[in-house]
Amino acid sequence: MKTRQFTEDQIIKLLQDAKKGEKPIEELCRDFGCSPASYYGWKKKYGDTTVDEAKRLRQLEKENARLLRIVGEQRLEIDAMKGVLQKKR
């Protein structure tokens, strides 16, 4: 089964259309090509964010993951150095 990838812009536009209340959620989802479960998941994740806020959130998540990797690598190096120093005593 083919999985669809929707951009953040498309998701936020769907959420804004649903917030207007002109059409029922099920009809909007059918027109958009997603399930109502996906809609509610996106609503929980994005809420009332704008496109710019969503892009900034994505950038922050990537930067956070990068920084966590760096900290993990440094912790391994520190542990290795401690092991070497203890063996020399």
N, C-alpha and C. Protein backbone atom coordinates (compact mmCIF):
# COMPACT_ATOMS: atom_id res chain seq x y z
N MET A 1 0.84 -1.17 0.00
CA MET A 1 0.00 0.00 0.00
C MET A 1 0.89 1.24 0.00
N LYS A 2 0.56 2.16 -0.84
CA LYS A 2 1.36 3.37 -0.97
C LYS A 2 1.07 4.32 0.19
N THR A 3 2.15 4.79 0.81
CA THR A 3 1.97 5.77 1.88
C THR A 3 2.16 7.16 1.30
N ARG A 4 1.33 8.07 1.74
CA ARG A 4 1.42 9.43 1.24
C ARG A 4 2.17 10.28 2.23
N GLN A 5 2.92 11.19 1.70
CA GLN A 5 3.63 12.13 2.54
C GLN A 5 3.04 13.51 2.27
N PHE A 6 2.51 14.11 3.30
CA PHE A 6 1.94 15.44 3.18
C PHE A 6 2.93 16.43 3.77
N THR A 7 3.06 17.56 3.12
CA THR A 7 3.94 18.59 3.63
C THR A 7 3.28 19.28 4.81
N GLU A 8 4.10 19.95 5.60
CA GLU A 8 3.56 20.68 6.75
C GLU A 8 2.60 21.77 6.28
N ASP A 9 2.90 22.37 5.14
CA ASP A 9 2.02 23.41 4.60
C ASP A 9 0.63 22.85 4.32
N GLN A 10 0.58 21.67 3.69
CA GLN A 10 -0.69 21.05 3.37
C GLN A 10 -1.46 20.66 4.62
N ILE A 11 -0.75 20.12 5.59
CA ILE A 11 -1.40 19.71 6.84
C ILE A 11 -1.99 20.91 7.56
N ILE A 12 -1.22 21.98 7.65
CA ILE A 12 -1.70 23.18 8.35
C ILE A 12 -2.87 23.80 7.61
N LYS A 13 -2.85 23.75 6.27
CA LYS A 13 -3.98 24.27 5.51
C LYS A 13 -5.24 23.46 5.80
N LEU A 14 -5.10 22.13 5.89
CA LEU A 14 -6.24 21.28 6.23
C LEU A 14 -6.77 21.63 7.62
N LEU A 15 -5.89 21.80 8.57
CA LEU A 15 -6.31 22.13 9.93
C LEU A 15 -7.01 23.48 9.98
N GLN A 16 -6.53 24.44 9.20
CA GLN A 16 -7.17 25.75 9.16
C GLN A 16 -8.54 25.67 8.51
N ASP A 17 -8.66 24.87 7.44
CA ASP A 17 -9.96 24.68 6.79
C ASP A 17 -10.96 24.03 7.76
N ALA A 18 -10.48 23.07 8.52
CA ALA A 18 -11.36 22.40 9.48
C ALA A 18 -11.79 23.35 10.59
N LYS A 19 -10.89 24.25 10.96
CA LYS A 19 -11.21 25.20 12.02
C LYS A 19 -12.30 26.18 11.60
N LYS A 20 -12.36 26.45 10.29
CA LYS A 20 -13.41 27.34 9.79
C LYS A 20 -14.79 26.73 9.99
N GLY A 21 -14.87 25.41 9.92
CA GLY A 21 -16.13 24.72 10.17
C GLY A 21 -17.10 24.72 9.01
N GLU A 22 -16.64 25.00 7.80
CA GLU A 22 -17.52 25.03 6.64
C GLU A 22 -17.96 23.62 6.22
N LYS A 23 -17.05 22.63 6.39
CA LYS A 23 -17.34 21.25 6.02
C LYS A 23 -17.06 20.36 7.22
N PRO A 24 -17.73 19.21 7.28
CA PRO A 24 -17.41 18.26 8.35
C PRO A 24 -16.00 17.70 8.17
N ILE A 25 -15.42 17.25 9.26
CA ILE A 25 -14.05 16.72 9.24
C ILE A 25 -13.92 15.55 8.28
N GLU A 26 -14.88 14.65 8.29
CA GLU A 26 -14.81 13.47 7.43
C GLU A 26 -14.75 13.85 5.96
N GLU A 27 -15.54 14.86 5.57
CA GLU A 27 -15.57 15.31 4.18
C GLU A 27 -14.25 15.98 3.80
N LEU A 28 -13.71 16.80 4.69
CA LEU A 28 -12.42 17.43 4.43
C LEU A 28 -11.32 16.39 4.25
N CYS A 29 -11.34 15.39 5.12
CA CYS A 29 -10.33 14.34 5.03
C CYS A 29 -10.46 13.54 3.74
N ARG A 30 -11.69 13.27 3.33
CA ARG A 30 -11.92 12.53 2.08
C ARG A 30 -11.39 13.33 0.90
N ASP A 31 -11.67 14.65 0.89
CA ASP A 31 -11.19 15.50 -0.20
C ASP A 31 -9.67 15.61 -0.20
N PHE A 32 -9.09 15.63 0.98
CA PHE A 32 -7.65 15.77 1.13
C PHE A 32 -6.91 14.47 0.85
N GLY A 33 -7.59 13.35 1.09
CA GLY A 33 -6.98 12.05 0.84
C GLY A 33 -6.32 11.45 2.06
N CYS A 34 -6.84 11.75 3.22
CA CYS A 34 -6.28 11.19 4.45
C CYS A 34 -7.42 10.64 5.31
N SER A 35 -7.04 9.95 6.36
CA SER A 35 -8.06 9.41 7.26
C SER A 35 -8.35 10.40 8.38
N PRO A 36 -9.52 10.31 8.97
CA PRO A 36 -9.82 11.17 10.12
C PRO A 36 -8.84 10.94 11.28
N ALA A 37 -8.33 9.71 11.41
CA ALA A 37 -7.35 9.44 12.46
C ALA A 37 -6.08 10.26 12.23
N SER A 38 -5.66 10.37 10.97
CA SER A 38 -4.50 11.19 10.66
C SER A 38 -4.77 12.65 11.00
N TYR A 39 -5.97 13.10 10.67
CA TYR A 39 -6.34 14.48 10.97
C TYR A 39 -6.20 14.77 12.46
N TYR A 40 -6.75 13.88 13.30
CA TYR A 40 -6.71 14.12 14.73
C TYR A 40 -5.29 14.02 15.28
N GLY A 41 -4.48 13.17 14.68
CA GLY A 41 -3.06 13.10 15.07
C GLY A 41 -2.33 14.39 14.74
N TRP A 42 -2.60 14.91 13.53
CA TRP A 42 -1.98 16.18 13.13
C TRP A 42 -2.48 17.32 13.99
N LYS A 43 -3.76 17.27 14.34
CA LYS A 43 -4.33 18.32 15.17
C LYS A 43 -3.65 18.33 16.53
N LYS A 44 -3.38 17.16 17.06
CA LYS A 44 -2.71 17.06 18.34
C LYS A 44 -1.27 17.56 18.24
N LYS A 45 -0.61 17.25 17.13
CA LYS A 45 0.80 17.64 16.98
C LYS A 45 0.95 19.11 16.64
N TYR A 46 0.18 19.60 15.68
CA TYR A 46 0.37 20.96 15.19
C TYR A 46 -0.53 21.99 15.86
N GLY A 47 -1.71 21.57 16.28
CA GLY A 47 -2.62 22.50 16.97
C GLY A 47 -2.92 23.74 16.15
N ASP A 48 -2.64 24.90 16.72
CA ASP A 48 -2.92 26.18 16.06
C ASP A 48 -1.66 26.82 15.48
N THR A 49 -0.67 26.02 15.13
CA THR A 49 0.57 26.60 14.62
C THR A 49 0.40 27.12 13.21
N THR A 50 1.26 28.04 12.86
CA THR A 50 1.31 28.55 11.49
C THR A 50 2.39 27.79 10.74
N VAL A 51 2.49 28.04 9.46
CA VAL A 51 3.48 27.36 8.62
C VAL A 51 4.89 27.69 9.11
N ASP A 52 5.14 28.97 9.42
CA ASP A 52 6.47 29.37 9.87
C ASP A 52 6.84 28.71 11.19
N GLU A 53 5.88 28.63 12.10
CA GLU A 53 6.14 28.00 13.39
C GLU A 53 6.43 26.51 13.22
N ALA A 54 5.74 25.86 12.31
CA ALA A 54 5.96 24.43 12.07
C ALA A 54 7.35 24.19 11.49
N LYS A 55 7.77 25.05 10.57
CA LYS A 55 9.11 24.92 10.00
C LYS A 55 10.18 25.14 11.06
N ARG A 56 9.97 26.13 11.92
CA ARG A 56 10.91 26.41 13.00
C ARG A 56 10.97 25.23 13.98
N LEU A 57 9.83 24.64 14.27
CA LEU A 57 9.79 23.47 15.14
C LEU A 57 10.60 22.33 14.54
N ARG A 58 10.46 22.09 13.26
CA ARG A 58 11.21 21.03 12.58
C ARG A 58 12.72 21.29 12.68
N GLN A 59 13.13 22.56 12.48
CA GLN A 59 14.55 22.91 12.58
C GLN A 59 15.07 22.67 14.00
N LEU A 60 14.28 23.04 14.99
CA LEU A 60 14.70 22.85 16.38
C LEU A 60 14.81 21.37 16.73
N GLU A 61 13.90 20.55 16.20
CA GLU A 61 13.98 19.12 16.45
C GLU A 61 15.25 18.52 15.84
N LYS A 62 15.61 18.94 14.64
CA LYS A 62 16.84 18.45 14.01
C LYS A 62 18.07 18.88 14.79
N GLU A 63 18.09 20.14 15.21
CA GLU A 63 19.22 20.64 15.97
C GLU A 63 19.34 19.92 17.32
N ASN A 64 18.22 19.67 17.96
CA ASN A 64 18.22 18.96 19.24
C ASN A 64 18.78 17.54 19.06
N ALA A 65 18.37 16.86 18.01
CA ALA A 65 18.88 15.52 17.75
C ALA A 65 20.39 15.54 17.52
N ARG A 66 20.85 16.54 16.79
CA ARG A 66 22.29 16.67 16.52
C ARG A 66 23.06 16.91 17.82
N LEU A 67 22.56 17.80 18.66
CA LEU A 67 23.22 18.09 19.92
C LEU A 67 23.23 16.88 20.86
N LEU A 68 22.14 16.11 20.87
CA LEU A 68 22.10 14.91 21.69
C LEU A 68 23.12 13.88 21.22
N ARG A 69 23.32 13.78 19.91
CA ARG A 69 24.35 12.87 19.38
C ARG A 69 25.74 13.31 19.83
N ILE A 70 26.00 14.62 19.77
CA ILE A 70 27.30 15.15 20.17
C ILE A 70 27.56 14.87 21.65
N VAL A 71 26.56 15.11 22.49
CA VAL A 71 26.71 14.85 23.92
C VAL A 71 26.96 13.36 24.18
N GLY A 72 26.27 12.50 23.47
CA GLY A 72 26.49 11.06 23.62
C GLY A 72 27.89 10.65 23.24
N GLU A 73 28.41 11.21 22.14
CA GLU A 73 29.77 10.90 21.71
C GLU A 73 30.78 11.40 22.73
N GLN A 74 30.57 12.59 23.27
CA GLN A 74 31.49 13.13 24.26
C GLN A 74 31.47 12.28 25.54
N ARG A 75 30.31 11.81 25.92
CA ARG A 75 30.21 10.96 27.11
C ARG A 75 31.00 9.67 26.91
N LEU A 76 30.92 9.08 25.71
CA LEU A 76 31.69 7.87 25.43
C LEU A 76 33.19 8.15 25.50
N GLU A 77 33.63 9.29 24.95
CA GLU A 77 35.04 9.65 24.99
C GLU A 77 35.51 9.85 26.43
N ILE A 78 34.69 10.51 27.25
CA ILE A 78 35.06 10.74 28.65
C ILE A 78 35.17 9.42 29.40
N ASP A 79 34.22 8.52 29.18
CA ASP A 79 34.27 7.21 29.83
C ASP A 79 35.51 6.44 29.41
N ALA A 80 35.86 6.51 28.12
CA ALA A 80 37.06 5.82 27.64
C ALA A 80 38.31 6.41 28.27
N MET A 81 38.37 7.74 28.40
CA MET A 81 39.53 8.40 29.01
C MET A 81 39.65 8.01 30.48
N LYS A 82 38.51 7.94 31.19
CA LYS A 82 38.54 7.53 32.59
C LYS A 82 39.06 6.11 32.72
N GLY A 83 38.66 5.25 31.82
CA GLY A 83 39.14 3.87 31.83
C GLY A 83 40.63 3.79 31.63
N VAL A 84 41.17 4.57 30.71
CA VAL A 84 42.60 4.59 30.44
C VAL A 84 43.35 5.12 31.65
N LEU A 85 42.86 6.18 32.24
CA LEU A 85 43.53 6.78 33.40
C LEU A 85 43.53 5.84 34.60
N GLN A 86 42.47 5.09 34.80
CA GLN A 86 42.41 4.16 35.92
C GLN A 86 43.38 2.99 35.72
N LYS A 87 43.59 2.59 34.50
CA LYS A 87 44.52 1.49 34.22
C LYS A 87 45.97 1.91 34.49
N LYS A 88 46.29 3.19 34.31
CA LYS A 88 47.65 3.67 34.51
C LYS A 88 48.01 3.72 35.98
N ARG A 89 47.07 3.78 36.88
CA ARG A 89 47.36 3.88 38.32
C ARG A 89 47.82 2.62 38.85
